[in-house]
Amino acid sequence: ASTYLHAWVVTGHPRYREVVEETIGYMLRELALPGGGLASAHDADTDGVEGLTYTWTAEEADEVGLPRELLEPFEHGRLIVRGEVEPELRASVLAERDRRPQPFRDDKALASWNGLALAALAEAGYRLERADWLDAARGLGELLLGPLSAPDGRLLRAIRDDRTSGFGFLDDYANVAYGLIELHVATGEPRWLLEARRLALLAVELFADDEAGGFFLSPADGDPRVPRTKDLQDTPVPSGNSMLAFVLLRLSRLWADDELERRAVSVFRLAEPALRRAPGFFAWMLCAIDLWLSPPRELAIVGDVESPVARAALAPFQPQSVVAVGPSEEVPLLAGKELVAGRPAVYVCERFVCRAPVTEPEEVAV
């Protein structure tokens, strides 16, 4: 969802936006759990047949009015929809599909994967002006900081039927912090950014390798019988090291914290030999390195994040920029920055040296 959202922002291609809407629609329709959070997965099989719920015989397609030109062969003599289906027909096809036996759902909510989902929901909710998605993102944030957190503030790994399992690993902290940062930008609510920083600092405390650099997968106070390893490759999702480096870099630029940047760079140094040999296995780490090597650009937004000037500042795809929304004296980038004549304002800064604030959308330099 995030990838197609960014592709739509860059190109304006309507199909990319449709993929975002379809993907998030599926997540909230099929994976949302009664107690909050998103389930981990659906089985590929139904009653032992791959794709049975989602594919059609020719007769079934005719019964619901699916044109044959939209169908392609799948497996077991069945057909799969490959073309555009107009909305009214789509609704009737979905209704018919819902009456079928459904694939097994793995209904545990993992903190790590829900952190990634949170980032997608929050950014897409803001960019596509979907208040319902933003509400869902806030609900995910509450779950991650509530039932999926221990009383001492540490993250838990998973929850199922109100039962939790174990303390979180590196990727849980990294992905949840990432999602909370995106939720902060999308809502303008400082709480989420402060919680992201708390979790990132806790991750450094629990997982950092002070001697060789980078971060272990398991915490320092974990089971001593289990060897502590490091995961660096971004396949098929960002590794905990890549994501935490990305998060630490963003936070370092909002707090002017050189130590956080040093921790992030230790990941790059650790991975450099393998990264040079096989860069395709380190896609998210390359994104983090791109942020590190790019000229720093900080956006301090004061006032309603839905205001025209804020929307103008956040409209482009700017992976090399970091954003904080206030007012808030707890975030150094925002300290001392206020509304301008009572109006929302955007401050464009580089290493905390800021241009004069602007209040009109056309004045925003992107």
Protein backbone atom coordinates (compact mmCIF):
# COMPACT_ATOMS: atom_id res chain seq x y z
CA ALA A 1 0.00 0.00 0.00
CA SER A 2 2.79 2.44 0.86
CA THR A 3 4.71 1.69 -2.33
CA TYR A 4 1.70 2.24 -4.58
CA LEU A 5 0.75 5.36 -2.62
CA HIS A 6 4.16 6.88 -3.29
CA ALA A 7 3.97 5.85 -6.95
CA TRP A 8 0.62 7.64 -7.21
CA VAL A 9 2.02 10.77 -5.54
CA VAL A 10 4.95 10.86 -7.97
CA THR A 11 3.11 9.97 -11.20
CA GLY A 12 -0.54 10.76 -10.60
CA HIS A 13 -1.44 7.47 -12.29
CA PRO A 14 -5.02 6.64 -11.15
CA ARG A 15 -4.45 2.88 -11.15
CA TYR A 16 -1.81 3.22 -8.44
CA ARG A 17 -4.33 5.01 -6.24
CA GLU A 18 -6.87 2.26 -6.90
CA VAL A 19 -4.39 -0.36 -5.74
CA VAL A 20 -3.93 1.57 -2.48
CA GLU A 21 -7.69 1.75 -1.98
CA GLU A 22 -8.17 -1.94 -2.80
CA THR A 23 -5.32 -3.06 -0.58
CA ILE A 24 -6.34 -1.04 2.45
CA GLY A 25 -9.96 -1.97 1.80
CA TYR A 26 -8.95 -5.63 2.01
CA MET A 27 -6.92 -5.05 5.18
CA LEU A 28 -9.77 -3.36 7.02
CA ARG A 29 -12.49 -5.63 5.66
CA GLU A 30 -10.80 -9.02 5.92
CA LEU A 31 -8.01 -8.69 8.48
CA ALA A 32 -9.45 -6.37 11.16
CA LEU A 33 -9.81 -8.21 14.47
CA PRO A 34 -12.67 -7.68 16.95
CA GLY A 35 -10.25 -6.75 19.73
CA GLY A 36 -8.25 -4.37 17.54
CA GLY A 37 -5.30 -4.80 15.24
CA LEU A 38 -4.91 -6.67 11.98
CA ALA A 39 -4.62 -10.43 11.59
CA SER A 40 -1.37 -11.79 10.21
CA ALA A 41 -2.54 -13.62 7.10
CA HIS A 42 -5.06 -15.59 5.12
CA ASP A 43 -4.29 -19.11 3.99
CA ALA A 44 -3.74 -19.47 0.24
CA ASP A 45 -5.96 -22.58 0.27
CA THR A 46 -9.63 -23.14 0.99
CA ASP A 47 -10.62 -26.76 1.63
CA GLY A 48 -7.21 -27.78 0.31
CA VAL A 49 -7.58 -25.99 -3.03
CA GLU A 50 -5.37 -22.97 -3.69
CA GLY A 51 -7.35 -19.84 -4.48
CA LEU A 52 -10.72 -21.59 -4.28
CA THR A 53 -12.49 -18.67 -2.57
CA TYR A 54 -11.19 -16.12 -5.05
CA THR A 55 -11.41 -17.94 -8.37
CA TRP A 56 -14.29 -18.99 -10.63
CA THR A 57 -15.49 -21.67 -12.93
CA ALA A 58 -16.86 -20.46 -16.24
CA GLU A 59 -20.38 -21.24 -15.03
CA GLU A 60 -19.91 -19.34 -11.77
CA ALA A 61 -18.57 -16.34 -13.68
CA ASP A 62 -21.61 -16.35 -15.95
CA GLU A 63 -23.97 -16.51 -12.98
CA VAL A 64 -22.58 -13.30 -11.44
CA GLY A 65 -22.17 -11.54 -14.78
CA LEU A 66 -18.38 -11.48 -14.98
CA PRO A 67 -17.41 -10.88 -18.62
CA ARG A 68 -15.15 -13.59 -19.99
CA GLU A 69 -12.65 -11.02 -21.31
CA LEU A 70 -11.84 -10.09 -17.67
CA LEU A 71 -10.87 -13.65 -16.79
CA GLU A 72 -7.67 -15.62 -17.20
CA PRO A 73 -6.86 -19.27 -16.49
CA PHE A 74 -5.63 -19.96 -12.95
CA GLU A 75 -5.24 -23.56 -11.70
CA HIS A 76 -7.45 -26.61 -11.36
CA GLY A 77 -9.48 -25.45 -14.37
CA ARG A 78 -10.56 -22.27 -12.59
CA LEU A 79 -10.39 -18.62 -13.69
CA ILE A 80 -9.11 -15.48 -11.99
CA VAL A 81 -10.23 -11.89 -12.56
CA ARG A 82 -7.47 -9.86 -14.24
CA GLY A 83 -9.33 -6.87 -15.64
CA GLU A 84 -11.16 -3.81 -14.33
CA VAL A 85 -14.57 -4.58 -12.81
CA GLU A 86 -17.08 -1.74 -12.66
CA PRO A 87 -18.18 -0.85 -9.09
CA GLU A 88 -21.74 -2.24 -9.11
CA LEU A 89 -20.64 -5.58 -10.53
CA ARG A 90 -17.69 -5.60 -8.15
CA ALA A 91 -20.06 -5.33 -5.18
CA SER A 92 -22.17 -8.27 -6.35
CA VAL A 93 -19.07 -10.38 -7.06
CA LEU A 94 -17.74 -9.64 -3.58
CA ALA A 95 -21.11 -10.53 -2.03
CA GLU A 96 -21.13 -13.86 -3.86
CA ARG A 97 -17.55 -14.55 -2.84
CA ASP A 98 -18.39 -13.85 0.81
CA ARG A 99 -20.99 -16.64 0.72
CA ARG A 100 -18.33 -19.21 -0.10
CA PRO A 101 -16.17 -21.17 2.35
CA GLN A 102 -13.41 -18.83 3.46
CA PRO A 103 -9.69 -19.53 3.85
CA PHE A 104 -8.28 -19.96 7.33
CA ARG A 105 -7.24 -16.67 8.95
CA ASP A 106 -4.17 -16.51 11.16
CA ASP A 107 -5.78 -14.24 13.71
CA LYS A 108 -2.81 -13.24 15.83
CA ALA A 109 -1.78 -9.58 15.58
CA LEU A 110 2.00 -9.14 15.40
CA ALA A 111 3.37 -5.84 16.67
CA SER A 112 5.93 -5.69 13.86
CA TRP A 113 3.49 -6.17 10.98
CA ASN A 114 0.89 -3.92 12.57
CA GLY A 115 3.55 -1.22 12.79
CA LEU A 116 4.04 -1.42 9.03
CA ALA A 117 0.27 -1.40 8.50
CA LEU A 118 0.00 1.63 10.77
CA ALA A 119 2.45 3.58 8.60
CA ALA A 120 0.50 2.73 5.44
CA LEU A 121 -2.89 3.55 6.96
CA ALA A 122 -1.74 6.84 8.43
CA GLU A 123 0.00 8.22 5.35
CA ALA A 124 -2.68 7.00 2.93
CA GLY A 125 -5.42 8.31 5.21
CA TYR A 126 -3.86 11.76 5.15
CA ARG A 127 -2.95 11.90 1.47
CA LEU A 128 -6.26 10.50 0.24
CA GLU A 129 -8.28 12.42 2.85
CA ARG A 130 -9.85 9.30 4.34
CA ALA A 131 -10.89 10.11 7.88
CA ASP A 132 -11.99 6.50 8.39
CA TRP A 133 -8.47 5.27 7.64
CA LEU A 134 -7.00 7.79 10.05
CA ASP A 135 -9.41 6.58 12.72
CA ALA A 136 -8.29 3.01 12.01
CA ALA A 137 -4.66 4.14 12.28
CA ARG A 138 -5.32 5.77 15.65
CA GLY A 139 -6.94 2.53 16.78
CA LEU A 140 -3.83 0.61 15.76
CA GLY A 141 -1.68 3.08 17.65
CA GLU A 142 -3.78 2.61 20.78
CA LEU A 143 -3.52 -1.18 20.47
CA LEU A 144 0.26 -1.10 20.07
CA LEU A 145 0.77 1.22 23.03
CA GLY A 146 -1.94 -0.46 25.11
CA PRO A 147 -2.66 -4.21 24.94
CA LEU A 148 0.54 -4.87 22.95
CA SER A 149 2.72 -3.14 25.55
CA ALA A 150 3.79 -4.37 28.96
CA PRO A 151 3.18 -2.25 32.09
CA ASP A 152 6.80 -1.09 31.99
CA GLY A 153 6.38 0.22 28.42
CA ARG A 154 8.15 -2.59 26.59
CA LEU A 155 6.49 -3.91 23.47
CA LEU A 156 5.03 -7.39 23.34
CA ARG A 157 5.42 -9.63 20.30
CA ALA A 158 1.85 -10.67 19.53
CA ILE A 159 -1.72 -10.79 20.79
CA ARG A 160 -4.51 -13.28 20.10
CA ASP A 161 -7.87 -13.42 21.88
CA ASP A 162 -6.55 -10.97 24.50
CA ARG A 163 -3.60 -13.26 25.24
CA THR A 164 -0.14 -11.87 24.58
CA SER A 165 3.08 -13.74 23.83
CA GLY A 166 6.51 -12.66 24.95
CA PHE A 167 8.50 -9.47 24.76
CA GLY A 168 9.08 -7.84 21.38
CA PHE A 169 12.09 -8.24 19.14
CA LEU A 170 14.07 -5.59 17.27
CA ASP A 171 11.69 -5.45 14.29
CA ASP A 172 8.72 -4.89 16.60
CA TYR A 173 10.29 -1.75 18.06
CA ALA A 174 11.59 -0.47 14.73
CA ASN A 175 8.36 -0.94 12.77
CA VAL A 176 6.08 0.34 15.53
CA ALA A 177 8.23 3.46 15.98
CA TYR A 178 8.10 4.00 12.20
CA GLY A 179 4.32 3.67 12.18
CA LEU A 180 3.95 6.08 15.09
CA ILE A 181 6.07 8.70 13.31
CA GLU A 182 3.81 8.46 10.27
CA LEU A 183 0.74 8.68 12.51
CA HIS A 184 2.14 11.85 14.04
CA VAL A 185 2.65 13.47 10.65
CA ALA A 186 -0.81 12.42 9.46
CA THR A 187 -2.69 13.66 12.53
CA GLY A 188 -0.48 16.41 13.89
CA GLU A 189 -0.81 14.88 17.37
CA PRO A 190 2.54 15.16 19.24
CA ARG A 191 1.88 12.12 21.44
CA TRP A 192 2.68 9.67 18.67
CA LEU A 193 6.05 11.23 17.88
CA LEU A 194 7.07 11.27 21.55
CA GLU A 195 6.09 7.61 21.89
CA ALA A 196 8.08 6.76 18.76
CA ARG A 197 11.17 8.33 20.27
CA ARG A 198 10.62 6.54 23.58
CA LEU A 199 10.44 3.19 21.81
CA ALA A 200 13.47 3.96 19.63
CA LEU A 201 15.58 4.86 22.66
CA LEU A 202 14.37 1.73 24.41
CA ALA A 203 15.34 -0.30 21.34
CA VAL A 204 18.87 1.11 21.51
CA GLU A 205 19.04 0.14 25.18
CA LEU A 206 17.75 -3.39 24.61
CA PHE A 207 19.31 -4.40 21.28
CA ALA A 208 22.43 -2.32 20.50
CA ASP A 209 25.80 -3.98 19.99
CA ASP A 210 28.13 -1.36 21.45
CA GLU A 211 31.25 -3.17 20.26
CA ALA A 212 30.57 -4.20 16.64
CA GLY A 213 27.72 -1.83 15.82
CA GLY A 214 24.21 -2.50 14.67
CA PHE A 215 21.50 -4.22 16.66
CA PHE A 216 20.75 -7.77 17.76
CA LEU A 217 17.38 -9.34 16.98
CA SER A 218 16.73 -10.34 20.60
CA PRO A 219 17.04 -8.18 23.74
CA ALA A 220 20.01 -8.14 26.07
CA ASP A 221 17.97 -9.63 28.90
CA GLY A 222 16.52 -12.43 26.75
CA ASP A 223 17.00 -16.17 27.23
CA PRO A 224 20.79 -16.65 27.60
CA ARG A 225 20.52 -20.09 25.98
CA VAL A 226 19.50 -18.51 22.68
CA PRO A 227 22.39 -17.05 20.61
CA ARG A 228 21.94 -13.37 19.78
CA THR A 229 21.98 -12.83 16.02
CA LYS A 230 21.63 -9.87 13.67
CA ASP A 231 19.30 -9.66 10.71
CA LEU A 232 20.38 -7.18 8.03
CA GLN A 233 18.66 -8.23 4.80
CA ASP A 234 15.43 -6.55 3.73
CA THR A 235 13.69 -9.64 2.41
CA PRO A 236 10.74 -9.72 2.18
CA VAL A 237 10.17 -6.86 4.65
CA PRO A 238 12.60 -4.30 6.09
CA SER A 239 15.00 -5.82 8.59
CA GLY A 240 14.94 -4.50 12.12
CA ASN A 241 18.39 -3.01 11.60
CA SER A 242 17.42 -1.15 8.43
CA MET A 243 14.18 0.16 9.86
CA LEU A 244 15.64 1.22 13.18
CA ALA A 245 18.48 3.02 11.38
CA PHE A 246 15.88 4.86 9.29
CA VAL A 247 13.86 5.76 12.39
CA LEU A 248 16.92 6.89 14.35
CA LEU A 249 18.04 9.14 11.51
CA ARG A 250 14.63 10.83 11.35
CA LEU A 251 14.55 11.33 15.11
CA SER A 252 18.15 12.57 15.17
CA ARG A 253 17.21 15.39 12.82
CA LEU A 254 14.15 16.37 14.83
CA TRP A 255 16.07 16.35 18.13
CA ALA A 256 19.52 17.39 16.82
CA ASP A 257 20.84 14.22 18.44
CA ASP A 258 24.21 13.15 17.02
CA GLU A 259 24.26 9.98 19.12
CA LEU A 260 21.16 8.64 17.39
CA GLU A 261 22.75 9.33 14.02
CA ARG A 262 25.91 7.53 15.11
CA ARG A 263 23.86 4.48 16.07
CA ALA A 264 22.18 4.48 12.67
CA VAL A 265 25.47 4.79 10.79
CA SER A 266 26.87 1.84 12.74
CA VAL A 267 24.29 -0.30 10.92
CA PHE A 268 25.52 0.90 7.53
CA ARG A 269 29.14 0.17 8.40
CA LEU A 270 28.24 -3.31 9.59
CA ALA A 271 26.33 -4.09 6.40
CA GLU A 272 28.66 -2.41 3.91
CA PRO A 273 30.54 -5.49 2.64
CA ALA A 274 27.35 -7.47 1.98
CA LEU A 275 25.54 -4.42 0.68
CA ARG A 276 28.19 -3.82 -1.96
CA ARG A 277 27.98 -7.45 -3.11
CA ALA A 278 24.19 -7.71 -3.26
CA PRO A 279 22.45 -4.33 -2.95
CA GLY A 280 19.13 -5.84 -4.01
CA PHE A 281 18.85 -7.52 -0.62
CA PHE A 282 19.13 -4.19 1.23
CA ALA A 283 16.46 -1.99 -0.34
CA TRP A 284 15.25 -0.36 2.87
CA MET A 285 18.76 0.14 4.14
CA LEU A 286 19.57 1.98 0.91
CA CYS A 287 16.58 4.24 1.60
CA ALA A 288 18.04 4.97 5.03
CA ILE A 289 21.50 5.63 3.55
CA ASP A 290 19.91 7.97 1.02
CA LEU A 291 18.35 9.92 3.89
CA TRP A 292 21.70 10.04 5.71
CA LEU A 293 23.62 11.30 2.66
CA SER A 294 21.00 13.84 1.52
CA PRO A 295 21.18 17.48 2.60
CA PRO A 296 19.13 17.71 5.81
CA ARG A 297 15.71 19.27 5.38
CA GLU A 298 13.35 19.68 8.29
CA LEU A 299 9.73 20.80 8.08
CA ALA A 300 8.29 22.30 11.23
CA ILE A 301 4.52 22.65 10.86
CA VAL A 302 2.72 24.69 13.49
CA GLY A 303 -1.05 24.49 13.58
CA ASP A 304 -3.67 22.33 11.88
CA VAL A 305 -2.05 19.66 9.71
CA GLU A 306 -5.18 19.84 7.51
CA SER A 307 -4.62 23.53 6.76
CA PRO A 308 -3.87 24.49 3.14
CA VAL A 309 -0.31 25.52 3.94
CA ALA A 310 0.41 22.25 5.75
CA ARG A 311 -1.09 20.21 2.93
CA ALA A 312 1.05 22.10 0.41
CA ALA A 313 4.17 21.30 2.44
CA LEU A 314 3.34 17.61 2.77
CA ALA A 315 1.94 17.03 -0.74
CA PRO A 316 5.17 16.05 -2.59
CA PHE A 317 6.95 12.75 -2.06
CA GLN A 318 9.92 13.85 0.08
CA PRO A 319 11.73 10.83 1.51
CA GLN A 320 14.75 12.98 2.40
CA SER A 321 12.71 15.38 4.59
CA VAL A 322 11.74 14.96 8.23
CA VAL A 323 8.57 16.46 9.67
CA ALA A 324 7.34 17.53 13.09
CA VAL A 325 3.94 19.05 13.78
CA GLY A 326 3.15 21.26 16.75
CA PRO A 327 3.20 23.48 18.63
CA SER A 328 5.25 21.48 21.10
CA GLU A 329 8.12 22.48 23.32
CA GLU A 330 9.06 18.82 23.80
CA VAL A 331 10.40 18.48 20.24
CA PRO A 332 13.52 20.63 19.73
CA LEU A 333 12.73 21.41 16.10
CA LEU A 334 9.40 22.89 17.19
CA ALA A 335 10.69 24.77 20.23
CA GLY A 336 9.87 28.46 20.05
CA LYS A 337 7.90 28.14 16.82
CA GLU A 338 4.40 29.55 16.90
CA LEU A 339 1.42 30.40 14.75
CA VAL A 340 1.89 33.51 12.62
CA ALA A 341 -0.79 36.09 13.30
CA GLY A 342 -2.93 33.23 14.54
CA ARG A 343 -2.53 31.24 11.32
CA PRO A 344 -0.91 27.83 10.69
CA ALA A 345 2.67 28.20 9.49
CA VAL A 346 5.39 26.10 7.90
CA TYR A 347 9.06 26.56 8.77
CA VAL A 348 11.54 25.04 6.29
CA CYS A 349 14.85 24.38 8.02
CA GLU A 350 18.29 22.89 7.46
CA ARG A 351 20.15 21.76 10.58
CA PHE A 352 17.73 23.89 12.62
CA VAL A 353 18.48 27.02 10.59
CA CYS A 354 15.03 28.02 9.38
CA ARG A 355 13.67 30.31 6.72
CA ALA A 356 10.99 32.80 7.60
CA PRO A 357 7.70 30.97 8.25
CA VAL A 358 5.09 30.93 5.48
CA THR A 359 1.32 30.83 5.83
CA GLU A 360 0.18 30.59 2.20
CA PRO A 361 0.32 27.37 0.16
CA GLU A 362 1.99 29.05 -2.82
CA GLU A 363 4.81 30.28 -0.56
CA VAL A 364 5.92 26.78 0.43
CA ALA A 365 9.29 25.93 -1.13
CA VAL A 366 9.44 22.23 -1.93
